Amino acid sequence: MTDQSRTLTRSLRSNLLNPVALGYLAVVAAVGVWVGLDMLLVEHADASFAGVWLFIATAPTSFLFTALPGVLPFAGVAVGAVVQALALGAAYRWALGRTSRRTATAGA
């Protein structure tokens, strides 16, 4: 394993394993459970739009998969959740780094 792949793996792990990214993934999982329970337990006289909330929670990445055939749009939900969690985790790390650098220079 090269240093670059270790750095990439460490960076991906630190972007996914922080409070913001994990909180976002928990929200997506809760929406998924709600959609599953709605589909299984609630009888609707007409169609339910509960499944749309999964796409909204993982937008805009999941919208790129909506035109694909079969069950591939639901793969877009999983891909969208991971991509957004990585982006939120990177933004969290960036903001945390900015504040720690700011306080370090202010205290010097």
N, C-alpha and C. Protein backbone atom coordinates (compact mmCIF):
# COMPACT_ATOMS: atom_id res chain seq x y z
N MET A 1 0.85 -1.17 0.00
CA MET A 1 0.00 0.00 0.00
C MET A 1 0.89 1.24 0.00
N THR A 2 0.64 2.13 -0.90
CA THR A 2 1.47 3.33 -1.00
C THR A 2 1.02 4.39 -0.02
N ASP A 3 1.88 5.39 0.15
CA ASP A 3 1.55 6.48 1.06
C ASP A 3 0.33 7.25 0.58
N GLN A 4 0.21 7.39 -0.74
CA GLN A 4 -0.92 8.14 -1.28
C GLN A 4 -2.24 7.42 -1.02
N SER A 5 -2.28 6.09 -1.18
CA SER A 5 -3.52 5.36 -0.93
C SER A 5 -3.85 5.36 0.55
N ARG A 6 -2.84 5.31 1.42
CA ARG A 6 -3.11 5.40 2.85
C ARG A 6 -3.68 6.77 3.20
N THR A 7 -3.14 7.79 2.57
CA THR A 7 -3.63 9.14 2.83
C THR A 7 -5.06 9.29 2.34
N LEU A 8 -5.37 8.74 1.17
CA LEU A 8 -6.73 8.81 0.64
C LEU A 8 -7.70 8.05 1.53
N THR A 9 -7.30 6.86 1.97
CA THR A 9 -8.15 6.07 2.86
C THR A 9 -8.36 6.80 4.19
N ARG A 10 -7.31 7.36 4.73
CA ARG A 10 -7.42 8.09 6.00
C ARG A 10 -8.31 9.33 5.83
N SER A 11 -8.18 10.00 4.70
CA SER A 11 -8.99 11.19 4.45
C SER A 11 -10.47 10.83 4.30
N LEU A 12 -10.75 9.77 3.54
CA LEU A 12 -12.15 9.34 3.38
C LEU A 12 -12.74 8.92 4.72
N ARG A 13 -11.96 8.20 5.51
CA ARG A 13 -12.46 7.75 6.81
C ARG A 13 -12.72 8.93 7.74
N SER A 14 -11.82 9.90 7.75
CA SER A 14 -12.02 11.05 8.64
C SER A 14 -13.16 11.94 8.15
N ASN A 15 -13.42 11.95 6.84
CA ASN A 15 -14.56 12.72 6.34
C ASN A 15 -15.88 12.03 6.64
N LEU A 16 -15.89 10.71 6.69
CA LEU A 16 -17.14 9.99 6.97
C LEU A 16 -17.39 9.79 8.47
N LEU A 17 -16.34 9.75 9.26
CA LEU A 17 -16.50 9.46 10.69
C LEU A 17 -16.35 10.73 11.52
N ASN A 18 -17.24 11.67 11.29
CA ASN A 18 -17.31 12.86 12.13
C ASN A 18 -18.78 13.13 12.41
N PRO A 19 -19.09 13.97 13.39
CA PRO A 19 -20.49 14.13 13.82
C PRO A 19 -21.43 14.60 12.72
N VAL A 20 -20.98 15.48 11.85
CA VAL A 20 -21.87 16.02 10.82
C VAL A 20 -22.22 14.94 9.79
N ALA A 21 -21.22 14.23 9.29
CA ALA A 21 -21.47 13.20 8.29
C ALA A 21 -22.30 12.05 8.87
N LEU A 22 -21.98 11.63 10.08
CA LEU A 22 -22.74 10.56 10.71
C LEU A 22 -24.18 10.99 11.01
N GLY A 23 -24.36 12.25 11.40
CA GLY A 23 -25.71 12.76 11.62
C GLY A 23 -26.52 12.78 10.34
N TYR A 24 -25.89 13.18 9.24
CA TYR A 24 -26.58 13.18 7.95
C TYR A 24 -26.96 11.76 7.54
N LEU A 25 -26.03 10.82 7.69
CA LEU A 25 -26.34 9.43 7.35
C LEU A 25 -27.44 8.88 8.25
N ALA A 26 -27.50 9.30 9.50
CA ALA A 26 -28.58 8.87 10.40
C ALA A 26 -29.92 9.42 9.94
N VAL A 27 -29.94 10.66 9.46
CA VAL A 27 -31.19 11.24 8.94
C VAL A 27 -31.65 10.48 7.70
N VAL A 28 -30.72 10.17 6.80
CA VAL A 28 -31.08 9.41 5.59
C VAL A 28 -31.59 8.02 5.96
N ALA A 29 -30.94 7.38 6.93
CA ALA A 29 -31.40 6.07 7.38
C ALA A 29 -32.79 6.14 8.01
N ALA A 30 -33.05 7.19 8.79
CA ALA A 30 -34.38 7.35 9.40
C ALA A 30 -35.44 7.57 8.33
N VAL A 31 -35.12 8.34 7.31
CA VAL A 31 -36.07 8.54 6.21
C VAL A 31 -36.29 7.22 5.49
N GLY A 32 -35.23 6.43 5.29
CA GLY A 32 -35.38 5.13 4.65
C GLY A 32 -36.25 4.18 5.46
N VAL A 33 -36.09 4.18 6.77
CA VAL A 33 -36.94 3.34 7.63
C VAL A 33 -38.39 3.81 7.54
N TRP A 34 -38.60 5.12 7.56
CA TRP A 34 -39.96 5.66 7.46
C TRP A 34 -40.61 5.27 6.13
N VAL A 35 -39.85 5.36 5.05
CA VAL A 35 -40.39 4.98 3.74
C VAL A 35 -40.70 3.49 3.70
N GLY A 36 -39.81 2.67 4.26
CA GLY A 36 -40.06 1.23 4.29
C GLY A 36 -41.29 0.87 5.11
N LEU A 37 -41.44 1.51 6.26
CA LEU A 37 -42.62 1.24 7.08
C LEU A 37 -43.89 1.73 6.40
N ASP A 38 -43.81 2.84 5.71
CA ASP A 38 -44.97 3.35 5.00
C ASP A 38 -45.38 2.39 3.88
N MET A 39 -44.40 1.83 3.20
CA MET A 39 -44.72 0.90 2.12
C MET A 39 -45.28 -0.41 2.64
N LEU A 40 -44.76 -0.88 3.77
CA LEU A 40 -45.16 -2.19 4.28
C LEU A 40 -46.42 -2.16 5.15
N LEU A 41 -46.57 -1.15 5.97
CA LEU A 41 -47.61 -1.19 7.00
C LEU A 41 -48.83 -0.31 6.73
N VAL A 42 -48.68 0.69 5.90
CA VAL A 42 -49.79 1.62 5.69
C VAL A 42 -50.45 1.30 4.35
N GLU A 43 -51.76 1.11 4.42
CA GLU A 43 -52.50 0.82 3.19
C GLU A 43 -53.04 2.14 2.63
N HIS A 44 -52.70 2.41 1.39
CA HIS A 44 -53.11 3.66 0.75
C HIS A 44 -54.15 3.35 -0.32
N ALA A 45 -55.17 4.20 -0.40
CA ALA A 45 -56.15 4.06 -1.47
C ALA A 45 -55.55 4.48 -2.80
N ASP A 46 -54.59 5.35 -2.73
CA ASP A 46 -53.89 5.83 -3.91
C ASP A 46 -52.39 5.66 -3.68
N ALA A 47 -51.59 6.07 -4.60
CA ALA A 47 -50.14 5.93 -4.47
C ALA A 47 -49.60 6.85 -3.37
N SER A 48 -48.53 6.42 -2.73
CA SER A 48 -47.89 7.21 -1.70
C SER A 48 -46.63 7.85 -2.29
N PHE A 49 -46.38 9.08 -1.91
CA PHE A 49 -45.18 9.78 -2.36
C PHE A 49 -44.08 9.72 -1.31
N ALA A 50 -44.15 8.80 -0.38
CA ALA A 50 -43.14 8.71 0.67
C ALA A 50 -41.76 8.40 0.10
N GLY A 51 -41.69 7.61 -0.94
CA GLY A 51 -40.40 7.26 -1.54
C GLY A 51 -39.65 8.43 -2.12
N VAL A 52 -40.36 9.48 -2.45
CA VAL A 52 -39.74 10.67 -3.01
C VAL A 52 -38.83 11.33 -1.98
N TRP A 53 -39.14 11.17 -0.70
CA TRP A 53 -38.33 11.80 0.34
C TRP A 53 -36.91 11.26 0.38
N LEU A 54 -36.71 10.01 -0.01
CA LEU A 54 -35.36 9.48 -0.08
C LEU A 54 -34.53 10.22 -1.12
N PHE A 55 -35.16 10.53 -2.25
CA PHE A 55 -34.45 11.26 -3.30
C PHE A 55 -34.22 12.72 -2.88
N ILE A 56 -35.16 13.29 -2.17
CA ILE A 56 -34.99 14.67 -1.71
C ILE A 56 -33.88 14.75 -0.65
N ALA A 57 -33.82 13.76 0.23
CA ALA A 57 -32.81 13.77 1.30
C ALA A 57 -31.40 13.59 0.75
N THR A 58 -31.27 12.96 -0.41
CA THR A 58 -29.94 12.71 -0.98
C THR A 58 -29.70 13.51 -2.25
N ALA A 59 -30.54 14.50 -2.50
CA ALA A 59 -30.37 15.35 -3.69
C ALA A 59 -29.15 16.23 -3.51
N PRO A 60 -28.50 16.65 -4.51
CA PRO A 60 -28.76 16.55 -5.94
C PRO A 60 -28.14 15.32 -6.59
N THR A 61 -27.29 14.58 -5.87
CA THR A 61 -26.62 13.44 -6.49
C THR A 61 -27.59 12.36 -6.92
N SER A 62 -28.59 12.07 -6.11
CA SER A 62 -29.53 11.00 -6.44
C SER A 62 -30.37 11.35 -7.67
N PHE A 63 -30.55 12.63 -7.95
CA PHE A 63 -31.34 13.02 -9.12
C PHE A 63 -30.64 12.64 -10.42
N LEU A 64 -29.32 12.48 -10.38
CA LEU A 64 -28.59 12.06 -11.57
C LEU A 64 -28.94 10.63 -11.98
N PHE A 65 -29.45 9.84 -11.05
CA PHE A 65 -29.76 8.44 -11.30
C PHE A 65 -31.23 8.19 -11.62
N THR A 66 -32.07 9.19 -11.57
CA THR A 66 -33.51 8.97 -11.71
C THR A 66 -33.92 8.52 -13.10
N ALA A 67 -33.17 8.81 -14.13
CA ALA A 67 -33.54 8.42 -15.49
C ALA A 67 -33.08 7.00 -15.84
N LEU A 68 -32.35 6.35 -14.95
CA LEU A 68 -31.85 5.01 -15.23
C LEU A 68 -32.97 3.99 -15.07
N PRO A 69 -32.88 2.85 -15.77
CA PRO A 69 -33.95 1.85 -15.72
C PRO A 69 -33.88 0.98 -14.46
N GLY A 70 -35.00 0.36 -14.16
CA GLY A 70 -35.06 -0.63 -13.09
C GLY A 70 -34.88 -0.05 -11.70
N VAL A 71 -34.08 -0.75 -10.90
CA VAL A 71 -33.85 -0.33 -9.52
C VAL A 71 -32.63 0.56 -9.38
N LEU A 72 -31.99 0.92 -10.47
CA LEU A 72 -30.80 1.77 -10.41
C LEU A 72 -31.05 3.14 -9.79
N PRO A 73 -32.24 3.73 -9.91
CA PRO A 73 -32.45 4.99 -9.20
C PRO A 73 -32.27 4.86 -7.68
N PHE A 74 -32.59 3.70 -7.13
CA PHE A 74 -32.40 3.52 -5.69
C PHE A 74 -30.93 3.33 -5.33
N ALA A 75 -30.13 2.88 -6.28
CA ALA A 75 -28.67 2.88 -6.08
C ALA A 75 -28.18 4.32 -6.00
N GLY A 76 -28.84 5.20 -6.72
CA GLY A 76 -28.51 6.62 -6.66
C GLY A 76 -28.74 7.20 -5.28
N VAL A 77 -29.71 6.68 -4.56
CA VAL A 77 -29.95 7.13 -3.19
C VAL A 77 -28.76 6.77 -2.31
N ALA A 78 -28.26 5.56 -2.45
CA ALA A 78 -27.09 5.14 -1.65
C ALA A 78 -25.85 5.93 -2.03
N VAL A 79 -25.63 6.09 -3.33
CA VAL A 79 -24.47 6.85 -3.81
C VAL A 79 -24.59 8.31 -3.36
N GLY A 80 -25.79 8.86 -3.48
CA GLY A 80 -26.02 10.24 -3.07
C GLY A 80 -25.78 10.45 -1.59
N ALA A 81 -26.19 9.50 -0.77
CA ALA A 81 -25.99 9.62 0.67
C ALA A 81 -24.50 9.63 1.00
N VAL A 82 -23.73 8.77 0.37
CA VAL A 82 -22.29 8.71 0.66
C VAL A 82 -21.58 9.96 0.15
N VAL A 83 -21.94 10.40 -1.06
CA VAL A 83 -21.30 11.59 -1.63
C VAL A 83 -21.60 12.82 -0.77
N GLN A 84 -22.85 12.99 -0.37
CA GLN A 84 -23.19 14.14 0.47
C GLN A 84 -22.54 14.04 1.85
N ALA A 85 -22.45 12.83 2.41
CA ALA A 85 -21.79 12.67 3.71
C ALA A 85 -20.31 13.02 3.60
N LEU A 86 -19.67 12.61 2.51
CA LEU A 86 -18.26 12.97 2.32
C LEU A 86 -18.10 14.48 2.18
N ALA A 87 -18.99 15.13 1.44
CA ALA A 87 -18.91 16.58 1.27
C ALA A 87 -19.15 17.31 2.59
N LEU A 88 -20.15 16.87 3.34
CA LEU A 88 -20.41 17.50 4.64
C LEU A 88 -19.26 17.27 5.61
N GLY A 89 -18.68 16.06 5.58
CA GLY A 89 -17.54 15.77 6.44
C GLY A 89 -16.33 16.61 6.09
N ALA A 90 -16.09 16.80 4.80
CA ALA A 90 -14.97 17.64 4.37
C ALA A 90 -15.20 19.09 4.77
N ALA A 91 -16.43 19.58 4.63
CA ALA A 91 -16.74 20.95 5.04
C ALA A 91 -16.57 21.11 6.55
N TYR A 92 -16.97 20.10 7.30
CA TYR A 92 -16.82 20.14 8.76
C TYR A 92 -15.34 20.18 9.16
N ARG A 93 -14.53 19.32 8.52
CA ARG A 93 -13.10 19.32 8.81
C ARG A 93 -12.45 20.65 8.42
N TRP A 94 -12.87 21.21 7.30
CA TRP A 94 -12.32 22.49 6.85
C TRP A 94 -12.67 23.59 7.85
N ALA A 95 -13.94 23.64 8.27
CA ALA A 95 -14.37 24.67 9.23
C ALA A 95 -13.68 24.48 10.58
N LEU A 96 -13.52 23.25 11.00
CA LEU A 96 -12.84 22.97 12.27
C LEU A 96 -11.38 23.36 12.19
N GLY A 97 -10.75 23.12 11.04
CA GLY A 97 -9.35 23.51 10.86
C GLY A 97 -9.18 25.01 10.84
N ARG A 98 -10.13 25.72 10.24
CA ARG A 98 -10.07 27.19 10.20
C ARG A 98 -10.17 27.78 11.59
N THR A 99 -11.09 27.26 12.40
CA THR A 99 -11.26 27.82 13.74
C THR A 99 -10.07 27.47 14.63
N SER A 100 -9.50 26.30 14.45
CA SER A 100 -8.35 25.94 15.29
C SER A 100 -7.13 26.77 14.90
N ARG A 101 -6.96 27.05 13.59
CA ARG A 101 -5.85 27.90 13.18
C ARG A 101 -6.06 29.33 13.64
N ARG A 102 -7.31 29.79 13.60
CA ARG A 102 -7.61 31.17 14.04
C ARG A 102 -7.33 31.34 15.51
N THR A 103 -7.73 30.38 16.34
CA THR A 103 -7.50 30.48 17.78
C THR A 103 -6.02 30.31 18.10
N ALA A 104 -5.30 29.53 17.30
CA ALA A 104 -3.86 29.34 17.54
C ALA A 104 -3.10 30.63 17.24
N THR A 105 -3.48 31.34 16.19
CA THR A 105 -2.80 32.58 15.88
C THR A 105 -3.23 33.71 16.81
N ALA A 106 -4.45 33.66 17.30
CA ALA A 106 -4.91 34.71 18.22
C ALA A 106 -4.25 34.55 19.59
N GLY A 107 -3.97 33.31 19.98
CA GLY A 107 -3.37 33.08 21.28
C GLY A 107 -1.86 33.30 21.29
N ALA A 108 -1.25 33.40 20.13
CA ALA A 108 0.22 33.53 20.07
C ALA A 108 0.69 34.93 20.36
